[in-house]
PDB file of all heavy atoms in Angstrom:
ATOM      1  N   ASP A   1      19.351  30.139  10.715  1.00  0.00           N
ATOM      2  CA  ASP A   1      18.591  31.186  10.033  1.00  0.00           C
ATOM      3  C   ASP A   1      17.081  31.042  10.282  1.00  0.00           C
ATOM      4  O   ASP A   1      16.365  32.026  10.372  1.00  0.00           O
ATOM      5  CB  ASP A   1      18.832  31.145   8.523  1.00  0.00           C
ATOM      6  CG  ASP A   1      20.197  31.691   8.147  1.00  0.00           C
ATOM      7  OD1 ASP A   1      20.811  32.364   8.996  1.00  0.00           O
ATOM      8  OD2 ASP A   1      20.638  31.440   7.008  1.00  0.00           O
ATOM      9  N   CYS A   2      16.624  29.823  10.395  1.00  0.00           N
ATOM     10  CA  CYS A   2      15.191  29.556  10.497  1.00  0.00           C
ATOM     11  C   CYS A   2      14.665  29.717  11.924  1.00  0.00           C
ATOM     12  O   CYS A   2      13.607  30.284  12.132  1.00  0.00           O
ATOM     13  CB  CYS A   2      14.912  28.150   9.998  1.00  0.00           C
ATOM     14  SG  CYS A   2      13.184  27.734   9.968  1.00  0.00           S
ATOM     15  N   GLY A   3      15.378  29.210  12.893  1.00  0.00           N
ATOM     16  CA  GLY A   3      14.907  29.272  14.273  1.00  0.00           C
ATOM     17  C   GLY A   3      14.118  28.031  14.659  1.00  0.00           C
ATOM     18  O   GLY A   3      13.523  27.375  13.816  1.00  0.00           O
ATOM     19  N   SER A   4      14.121  27.721  15.925  1.00  0.00           N
ATOM     20  CA  SER A   4      13.482  26.480  16.382  1.00  0.00           C
ATOM     21  C   SER A   4      11.960  26.556  16.326  1.00  0.00           C
ATOM     22  O   SER A   4      11.294  25.540  16.077  1.00  0.00           O
ATOM     23  CB  SER A   4      13.946  26.146  17.799  1.00  0.00           C
ATOM     24  OG  SER A   4      13.561  27.176  18.683  1.00  0.00           O
ATOM     25  N   LYS A   5      11.381  27.734  16.542  1.00  0.00           N
ATOM     26  CA  LYS A   5       9.917  27.852  16.466  1.00  0.00           C
ATOM     27  C   LYS A   5       9.417  27.588  15.053  1.00  0.00           C
ATOM     28  O   LYS A   5       8.418  26.923  14.846  1.00  0.00           O
ATOM     29  CB  LYS A   5       9.461  29.226  16.923  1.00  0.00           C
ATOM     30  CG  LYS A   5       9.500  29.422  18.425  1.00  0.00           C
ATOM     31  CD  LYS A   5       8.923  30.753  18.806  1.00  0.00           C
ATOM     32  CE  LYS A   5       8.984  30.924  20.326  1.00  0.00           C
ATOM     33  NZ  LYS A   5       8.406  32.194  20.728  1.00  0.00           N
ATOM     34  N   LYS A   6      10.131  28.124  14.074  1.00  0.00           N
ATOM     35  CA  LYS A   6       9.762  27.919  12.674  1.00  0.00           C
ATOM     36  C   LYS A   6       9.900  26.451  12.306  1.00  0.00           C
ATOM     37  O   LYS A   6       9.030  25.879  11.643  1.00  0.00           O
ATOM     38  CB  LYS A   6      10.643  28.795  11.778  1.00  0.00           C
ATOM     39  CG  LYS A   6      10.336  28.705  10.313  1.00  0.00           C
ATOM     40  CD  LYS A   6       9.141  29.520   9.959  1.00  0.00           C
ATOM     41  CE  LYS A   6       9.058  29.638   8.444  1.00  0.00           C
ATOM     42  NZ  LYS A   6       7.941  30.418   8.033  1.00  0.00           N
ATOM     43  N   ALA A   7      10.968  25.800  12.763  1.00  0.00           N
ATOM     44  CA  ALA A   7      11.168  24.386  12.474  1.00  0.00           C
ATOM     45  C   ALA A   7      10.060  23.547  13.111  1.00  0.00           C
ATOM     46  O   ALA A   7       9.544  22.611  12.498  1.00  0.00           O
ATOM     47  CB  ALA A   7      12.542  23.929  12.972  1.00  0.00           C
ATOM     48  N   ALA A   8       9.668  23.884  14.324  1.00  0.00           N
ATOM     49  CA  ALA A   8       8.590  23.161  14.999  1.00  0.00           C
ATOM     50  C   ALA A   8       7.266  23.351  14.254  1.00  0.00           C
ATOM     51  O   ALA A   8       6.484  22.401  14.115  1.00  0.00           O
ATOM     52  CB  ALA A   8       8.463  23.630  16.444  1.00  0.00           C
ATOM     53  N   TYR A   9       7.013  24.564  13.762  1.00  0.00           N
ATOM     54  CA  TYR A   9       5.808  24.822  12.982  1.00  0.00           C
ATOM     55  C   TYR A   9       5.808  23.978  11.714  1.00  0.00           C
ATOM     56  O   TYR A   9       4.775  23.374  11.366  1.00  0.00           O
ATOM     57  CB  TYR A   9       5.696  26.303  12.621  1.00  0.00           C
ATOM     58  CG  TYR A   9       4.643  26.563  11.580  1.00  0.00           C
ATOM     59  CD1 TYR A   9       3.295  26.593  11.941  1.00  0.00           C
ATOM     60  CD2 TYR A   9       4.981  26.745  10.241  1.00  0.00           C
ATOM     61  CE1 TYR A   9       2.306  26.805  10.994  1.00  0.00           C
ATOM     62  CE2 TYR A   9       4.001  26.952   9.285  1.00  0.00           C
ATOM     63  CZ  TYR A   9       2.678  26.978   9.658  1.00  0.00           C
ATOM     64  OH  TYR A   9       1.706  27.166   8.707  1.00  0.00           O
ATOM     65  N   ILE A  10       6.940  23.916  11.039  1.00  0.00           N
ATOM     66  CA  ILE A  10       7.028  23.133   9.799  1.00  0.00           C
ATOM     67  C   ILE A  10       6.776  21.658  10.091  1.00  0.00           C
ATOM     68  O   ILE A  10       6.052  20.992   9.341  1.00  0.00           O
ATOM     69  CB  ILE A  10       8.397  23.351   9.114  1.00  0.00           C
ATOM     70  CG1 ILE A  10       8.499  24.794   8.597  1.00  0.00           C
ATOM     71  CG2 ILE A  10       8.605  22.375   7.980  1.00  0.00           C
ATOM     72  CD1 ILE A  10       9.875  25.179   8.091  1.00  0.00           C
ATOM     73  N   GLU A  11       7.327  21.145  11.182  1.00  0.00           N
ATOM     74  CA  GLU A  11       7.108  19.743  11.536  1.00  0.00           C
ATOM     75  C   GLU A  11       5.628  19.473  11.816  1.00  0.00           C
ATOM     76  O   GLU A  11       5.079  18.446  11.402  1.00  0.00           O
ATOM     77  CB  GLU A  11       7.944  19.368  12.755  1.00  0.00           C
ATOM     78  CG  GLU A  11       9.425  19.251  12.453  1.00  0.00           C
ATOM     79  CD  GLU A  11      10.271  19.063  13.704  1.00  0.00           C
ATOM     80  OE1 GLU A  11       9.716  19.089  14.832  1.00  0.00           O
ATOM     81  OE2 GLU A  11      11.486  18.874  13.553  1.00  0.00           O
ATOM     82  N   THR A  12       4.983  20.386  12.514  1.00  0.00           N
ATOM     83  CA  THR A  12       3.557  20.232  12.822  1.00  0.00           C
ATOM     84  C   THR A  12       2.723  20.278  11.533  1.00  0.00           C
ATOM     85  O   THR A  12       1.803  19.473  11.348  1.00  0.00           O
ATOM     86  CB  THR A  12       3.091  21.344  13.780  1.00  0.00           C
ATOM     87  OG1 THR A  12       3.890  21.300  14.953  1.00  0.00           O
ATOM     88  CG2 THR A  12       1.628  21.205  14.132  1.00  0.00           C
ATOM     89  N   ARG A  13       3.055  21.205  10.668  1.00  0.00           N
ATOM     90  CA  ARG A  13       2.331  21.340   9.393  1.00  0.00           C
ATOM     91  C   ARG A  13       2.517  20.089   8.537  1.00  0.00           C
ATOM     92  O   ARG A  13       1.567  19.609   7.916  1.00  0.00           O
ATOM     93  CB  ARG A  13       2.817  22.585   8.654  1.00  0.00           C
ATOM     94  CG  ARG A  13       2.098  22.875   7.369  1.00  0.00           C
ATOM     95  CD  ARG A  13       0.743  23.486   7.597  1.00  0.00           C
ATOM     96  NE  ARG A  13       0.148  23.800   6.308  1.00  0.00           N
ATOM     97  CZ  ARG A  13      -1.119  23.592   6.022  1.00  0.00           C
ATOM     98  NH1 ARG A  13      -1.940  23.154   6.943  1.00  0.00           N
ATOM     99  NH2 ARG A  13      -1.588  23.874   4.832  1.00  0.00           N
ATOM    100  N   ILE A  14       3.734  19.541   8.500  1.00  0.00           N
ATOM    101  CA  ILE A  14       3.989  18.316   7.746  1.00  0.00           C
ATOM    102  C   ILE A  14       3.139  17.184   8.288  1.00  0.00           C
ATOM    103  O   ILE A  14       2.524  16.423   7.517  1.00  0.00           O
ATOM    104  CB  ILE A  14       5.492  17.947   7.781  1.00  0.00           C
ATOM    105  CG1 ILE A  14       6.284  18.902   6.876  1.00  0.00           C
ATOM    106  CG2 ILE A  14       5.711  16.501   7.353  1.00  0.00           C
ATOM    107  CD1 ILE A  14       7.793  18.737   6.967  1.00  0.00           C
ATOM    108  N   ALA A  15       3.079  17.045   9.595  1.00  0.00           N
ATOM    109  CA  ALA A  15       2.276  15.968  10.209  1.00  0.00           C
ATOM    110  C   ALA A  15       0.804  16.108   9.833  1.00  0.00           C
ATOM    111  O   ALA A  15       0.131  15.112   9.496  1.00  0.00           O
ATOM    112  CB  ALA A  15       2.448  15.974  11.725  1.00  0.00           C
ATOM    113  N   MET A  16       0.288  17.335   9.867  1.00  0.00           N
ATOM    114  CA  MET A  16      -1.107  17.565   9.522  1.00  0.00           C
ATOM    115  C   MET A  16      -1.379  17.242   8.049  1.00  0.00           C
ATOM    116  O   MET A  16      -2.347  16.568   7.712  1.00  0.00           O
ATOM    117  CB  MET A  16      -1.493  19.015   9.807  1.00  0.00           C
ATOM    118  CG  MET A  16      -2.970  19.301   9.625  1.00  0.00           C
ATOM    119  SD  MET A  16      -3.381  21.033   9.793  1.00  0.00           S
ATOM    120  CE  MET A  16      -2.813  21.644   8.217  1.00  0.00           C
ATOM    121  N   LEU A  17      -0.477  17.705   7.178  1.00  0.00           N
ATOM    122  CA  LEU A  17      -0.645  17.445   5.745  1.00  0.00           C
ATOM    123  C   LEU A  17      -0.526  15.960   5.439  1.00  0.00           C
ATOM    124  O   LEU A  17      -1.255  15.439   4.583  1.00  0.00           O
ATOM    125  CB  LEU A  17       0.362  18.256   4.938  1.00  0.00           C
ATOM    126  CG  LEU A  17       0.104  19.746   4.861  1.00  0.00           C
ATOM    127  CD1 LEU A  17       1.307  20.469   4.274  1.00  0.00           C
ATOM    128  CD2 LEU A  17      -1.150  20.041   4.056  1.00  0.00           C
ATOM    129  N   GLN A  18       0.383  15.255   6.116  1.00  0.00           N
ATOM    130  CA  GLN A  18       0.524  13.817   5.902  1.00  0.00           C
ATOM    131  C   GLN A  18      -0.759  13.087   6.269  1.00  0.00           C
ATOM    132  O   GLN A  18      -1.175  12.147   5.577  1.00  0.00           O
ATOM    133  CB  GLN A  18       1.677  13.257   6.727  1.00  0.00           C
ATOM    134  CG  GLN A  18       3.036  13.560   6.143  1.00  0.00           C
ATOM    135  CD  GLN A  18       4.174  13.102   7.044  1.00  0.00           C
ATOM    136  OE1 GLN A  18       4.065  13.115   8.267  1.00  0.00           O
ATOM    137  NE2 GLN A  18       5.269  12.702   6.432  1.00  0.00           N
ATOM    138  N   GLU A  19      -1.387  13.516   7.350  1.00  0.00           N
ATOM    139  CA  GLU A  19      -2.643  12.889   7.774  1.00  0.00           C
ATOM    140  C   GLU A  19      -3.734  13.103   6.721  1.00  0.00           C
ATOM    141  O   GLU A  19      -4.441  12.171   6.340  1.00  0.00           O
ATOM    142  CB  GLU A  19      -3.100  13.458   9.114  1.00  0.00           C
ATOM    143  CG  GLU A  19      -4.377  12.839   9.628  1.00  0.00           C
ATOM    144  CD  GLU A  19      -4.848  13.427  10.932  1.00  0.00           C
ATOM    145  OE1 GLU A  19      -4.179  14.320  11.492  1.00  0.00           O
ATOM    146  OE2 GLU A  19      -5.906  12.988  11.397  1.00  0.00           O
ATOM    147  N   ILE A  20      -3.858  14.328   6.231  1.00  0.00           N
ATOM    148  CA  ILE A  20      -4.886  14.651   5.244  1.00  0.00           C
ATOM    149  C   ILE A  20      -4.642  13.930   3.929  1.00  0.00           C
ATOM    150  O   ILE A  20      -5.522  13.253   3.381  1.00  0.00           O
ATOM    151  CB  ILE A  20      -4.975  16.172   5.024  1.00  0.00           C
ATOM    152  CG1 ILE A  20      -5.492  16.850   6.288  1.00  0.00           C
ATOM    153  CG2 ILE A  20      -5.852  16.506   3.814  1.00  0.00           C
ATOM    154  CD1 ILE A  20      -5.309  18.353   6.298  1.00  0.00           C
ATOM    155  N   VAL A  21      -3.431  14.051   3.408  1.00  0.00           N
ATOM    156  CA  VAL A  21      -3.085  13.421   2.124  1.00  0.00           C
ATOM    157  C   VAL A  21      -3.194  11.902   2.239  1.00  0.00           C
ATOM    158  O   VAL A  21      -3.724  11.237   1.340  1.00  0.00           O
ATOM    159  CB  VAL A  21      -1.674  13.860   1.666  1.00  0.00           C
ATOM    160  CG1 VAL A  21      -1.192  13.038   0.499  1.00  0.00           C
ATOM    161  CG2 VAL A  21      -1.691  15.340   1.297  1.00  0.00           C
ATOM    162  N   GLY A  22      -2.733  11.349   3.355  1.00  0.00           N
ATOM    163  CA  GLY A  22      -2.824   9.897   3.554  1.00  0.00           C
ATOM    164  C   GLY A  22      -4.256   9.419   3.587  1.00  0.00           C
ATOM    165  O   GLY A  22      -4.598   8.375   3.016  1.00  0.00           O
ATOM    166  N   ALA A  23      -5.130  10.174   4.254  1.00  0.00           N
ATOM    167  CA  ALA A  23      -6.543   9.794   4.321  1.00  0.00           C
ATOM    168  C   ALA A  23      -7.191   9.841   2.949  1.00  0.00           C
ATOM    169  O   ALA A  23      -7.959   8.932   2.582  1.00  0.00           O
ATOM    170  CB  ALA A  23      -7.274  10.714   5.295  1.00  0.00           C
ATOM    171  N   ILE A  24      -6.900  10.869   2.166  1.00  0.00           N
ATOM    172  CA  ILE A  24      -7.485  10.976   0.824  1.00  0.00           C
ATOM    173  C   ILE A  24      -6.930   9.895  -0.087  1.00  0.00           C
ATOM    174  O   ILE A  24      -7.669   9.274  -0.856  1.00  0.00           O
ATOM    175  CB  ILE A  24      -7.291  12.391   0.241  1.00  0.00           C
ATOM    176  CG1 ILE A  24      -8.074  13.405   1.065  1.00  0.00           C
ATOM    177  CG2 ILE A  24      -7.724  12.440  -1.230  1.00  0.00           C
ATOM    178  CD1 ILE A  24      -7.836  14.861   0.689  1.00  0.00           C
ATOM    179  N   ASP A  25      -5.631   9.621   0.006  1.00  0.00           N
ATOM    180  CA  ASP A  25      -5.045   8.532  -0.796  1.00  0.00           C
ATOM    181  C   ASP A  25      -5.680   7.186  -0.454  1.00  0.00           C
ATOM    182  O   ASP A  25      -6.011   6.397  -1.336  1.00  0.00           O
ATOM    183  CB  ASP A  25      -3.529   8.466  -0.589  1.00  0.00           C
ATOM    184  CG  ASP A  25      -2.782   9.597  -1.265  1.00  0.00           C
ATOM    185  OD1 ASP A  25      -3.358  10.256  -2.164  1.00  0.00           O
ATOM    186  OD2 ASP A  25      -1.623   9.848  -0.880  1.00  0.00           O
ATOM    187  N   SER A  26      -5.853   6.936   0.828  1.00  0.00           N
ATOM    188  CA  SER A  26      -6.491   5.699   1.267  1.00  0.00           C
ATOM    189  C   SER A  26      -7.929   5.620   0.762  1.00  0.00           C
ATOM    190  O   SER A  26      -8.374   4.578   0.280  1.00  0.00           O
ATOM    191  CB  SER A  26      -6.462   5.642   2.805  1.00  0.00           C
ATOM    192  OG  SER A  26      -7.192   4.553   3.280  1.00  0.00           O
ATOM    193  N   LEU A  27      -8.647   6.717   0.858  1.00  0.00           N
ATOM    194  CA  LEU A  27     -10.024   6.767   0.373  1.00  0.00           C
ATOM    195  C   LEU A  27     -10.077   6.460  -1.116  1.00  0.00           C
ATOM    196  O   LEU A  27     -10.917   5.665  -1.565  1.00  0.00           O
ATOM    197  CB  LEU A  27     -10.614   8.163   0.648  1.00  0.00           C
ATOM    198  CG  LEU A  27     -12.019   8.414   0.113  1.00  0.00           C
ATOM    199  CD1 LEU A  27     -13.046   7.689   0.972  1.00  0.00           C
ATOM    200  CD2 LEU A  27     -12.310   9.896   0.082  1.00  0.00           C
ATOM    201  N   ARG A  28      -9.172   7.039  -1.874  1.00  0.00           N
ATOM    202  CA  ARG A  28      -9.161   6.836  -3.325  1.00  0.00           C
ATOM    203  C   ARG A  28      -8.897   5.384  -3.695  1.00  0.00           C
ATOM    204  O   ARG A  28      -9.401   4.896  -4.697  1.00  0.00           O
ATOM    205  CB  ARG A  28      -8.123   7.744  -3.973  1.00  0.00           C
ATOM    206  CG  ARG A  28      -8.515   9.207  -3.916  1.00  0.00           C
ATOM    207  CD  ARG A  28      -7.486  10.083  -4.554  1.00  0.00           C
ATOM    208  NE  ARG A  28      -7.555   9.951  -6.005  1.00  0.00           N
ATOM    209  CZ  ARG A  28      -6.687  10.494  -6.846  1.00  0.00           C
ATOM    210  NH1 ARG A  28      -5.681  11.206  -6.367  1.00  0.00           N
ATOM    211  NH2 ARG A  28      -6.822  10.344  -8.139  1.00  0.00           N
ATOM    212  N   ARG A  29      -8.100   4.686  -2.885  1.00  0.00           N
ATOM    213  CA  ARG A  29      -7.831   3.266  -3.149  1.00  0.00           C
ATOM    214  C   ARG A  29      -9.064   2.406  -2.861  1.00  0.00           C
ATOM    215  O   ARG A  29      -9.224   1.341  -3.446  1.00  0.00           O
ATOM    216  CB  ARG A  29      -6.658   2.775  -2.312  1.00  0.00           C
ATOM    217  CG  ARG A  29      -5.299   3.242  -2.811  1.00  0.00           C
ATOM    218  CD  ARG A  29      -4.163   2.550  -2.101  1.00  0.00           C
ATOM    219  NE  ARG A  29      -4.126   2.835  -0.672  1.00  0.00           N
ATOM    220  CZ  ARG A  29      -3.527   3.875  -0.122  1.00  0.00           C
ATOM    221  NH1 ARG A  29      -2.899   4.753  -0.886  1.00  0.00           N
ATOM    222  NH2 ARG A  29      -3.529   4.055   1.174  1.00  0.00           N
ATOM    223  N   GLU A  30      -9.913   2.857  -1.948  1.00  0.00           N
ATOM    224  CA  GLU A  30     -11.038   2.033  -1.493  1.00  0.00           C
ATOM    225  C   GLU A  30     -12.344   2.269  -2.236  1.00  0.00           C
ATOM    226  O   GLU A  30     -13.206   1.398  -2.238  1.00  0.00           O
ATOM    227  CB  GLU A  30     -11.275   2.285  -0.002  1.00  0.00           C
ATOM    228  CG  GLU A  30     -10.124   1.826   0.866  1.00  0.00           C
ATOM    229  CD  GLU A  30     -10.291   2.250   2.322  1.00  0.00           C
ATOM    230  OE1 GLU A  30     -11.360   2.768   2.680  1.00  0.00           O
ATOM    231  OE2 GLU A  30      -9.324   2.059   3.076  1.00  0.00           O
ATOM    232  N   ILE A  31     -12.515   3.427  -2.847  1.00  0.00           N
ATOM    233  CA  ILE A  31     -13.801   3.726  -3.478  1.00  0.00           C
ATOM    234  C   ILE A  31     -13.881   3.131  -4.879  1.00  0.00           C
ATOM    235  O   ILE A  31     -12.875   2.762  -5.487  1.00  0.00           O
ATOM    236  CB  ILE A  31     -14.076   5.247  -3.518  1.00  0.00           C
ATOM    237  CG1 ILE A  31     -12.999   5.977  -4.330  1.00  0.00           C
ATOM    238  CG2 ILE A  31     -14.210   5.809  -2.114  1.00  0.00           C
ATOM    239  CD1 ILE A  31     -13.261   7.469  -4.490  1.00  0.00           C
ATOM    240  N   SER A  32     -15.099   3.052  -5.392  1.00  0.00           N
ATOM    241  CA  SER A  32     -15.329   2.510  -6.731  1.00  0.00           C
ATOM    242  C   SER A  32     -14.813   3.481  -7.797  1.00  0.00           C
ATOM    243  O   SER A  32     -14.569   4.662  -7.519  1.00  0.00           O
ATOM    244  CB  SER A  32     -16.823   2.260  -6.937  1.00  0.00           C
ATOM    245  OG  SER A  32     -17.517   3.498  -6.957  1.00  0.00           O
ATOM    246  N   GLU A  33     -14.715   2.969  -9.013  1.00  0.00           N
ATOM    247  CA  GLU A  33     -14.284   3.820 -10.122  1.00  0.00           C
ATOM    248  C   GLU A  33     -15.282   4.951 -10.364  1.00  0.00           C
ATOM    249  O   GLU A  33     -14.902   6.063 -10.715  1.00  0.00           O
ATOM    250  CB  GLU A  33     -14.138   2.990 -11.405  1.00  0.00           C
ATOM    251  CG  GLU A  33     -12.911   2.102 -11.415  1.00  0.00           C
ATOM    252  CD  GLU A  33     -12.775   1.329 -12.719  1.00  0.00           C
ATOM    253  OE1 GLU A  33     -13.280   1.806 -13.755  1.00  0.00           O
ATOM    254  OE2 GLU A  33     -12.169   0.256 -12.684  1.00  0.00           O
ATOM    255  N   GLU A  34     -16.554   4.657 -10.160  1.00  0.00           N
ATOM    256  CA  GLU A  34     -17.591   5.676 -10.373  1.00  0.00           C
ATOM    257  C   GLU A  34     -17.468   6.799  -9.340  1.00  0.00           C
ATOM    258  O   GLU A  34     -17.610   7.976  -9.667  1.00  0.00           O
ATOM    259  CB  GLU A  34     -18.973   5.036 -10.308  1.00  0.00           C
ATOM    260  CG  GLU A  34     -20.040   5.890 -10.938  1.00  0.00           C
ATOM    261  CD  GLU A  34     -21.317   5.129 -11.170  1.00  0.00           C
ATOM    262  OE1 GLU A  34     -22.055   4.938 -10.187  1.00  0.00           O
ATOM    263  OE2 GLU A  34     -21.557   4.740 -12.323  1.00  0.00           O
ATOM    264  N   ASP A  35     -17.178   6.430  -8.092  1.00  0.00           N
ATOM    265  CA  ASP A  35     -16.983   7.448  -7.065  1.00  0.00           C
ATOM    266  C   ASP A  35     -15.706   8.250  -7.327  1.00  0.00           C
ATOM    267  O   ASP A  35     -15.666   9.454  -7.086  1.00  0.00           O
ATOM    268  CB  ASP A  35     -16.928   6.823  -5.666  1.00  0.00           C
ATOM    269  CG  ASP A  35     -18.300   6.369  -5.189  1.00  0.00           C
ATOM    270  OD1 ASP A  35     -19.310   6.782  -5.788  1.00  0.00           O
ATOM    271  OD2 ASP A  35     -18.360   5.610  -4.207  1.00  0.00           O
ATOM    272  N   GLU A  36     -14.683   7.586  -7.843  1.00  0.00           N
ATOM    273  CA  GLU A  36     -13.447   8.291  -8.210  1.00  0.00           C
ATOM    274  C   GLU A  36     -13.739   9.303  -9.328  1.00  0.00           C
ATOM    275  O   GLU A  36     -13.252  10.428  -9.293  1.00  0.00           O
ATOM    276  CB  GLU A  36     -12.387   7.287  -8.665  1.00  0.00           C
ATOM    277  CG  GLU A  36     -11.119   7.906  -9.188  1.00  0.00           C
ATOM    278  CD  GLU A  36     -10.223   8.512  -8.121  1.00  0.00           C
ATOM    279  OE1 GLU A  36     -10.347   8.146  -6.950  1.00  0.00           O
ATOM    280  OE2 GLU A  36      -9.374   9.359  -8.482  1.00  0.00           O
TER     281      GLU A  36
END
């Protein structure tokens, strides 16, 4: 029902979101409480 192009788009979007969310999560672990 979805098609291979749609599945490929979803995989690409997941990879991009994982990179962004992972970077922000990492940043939050490293910064001071005041910066948080």
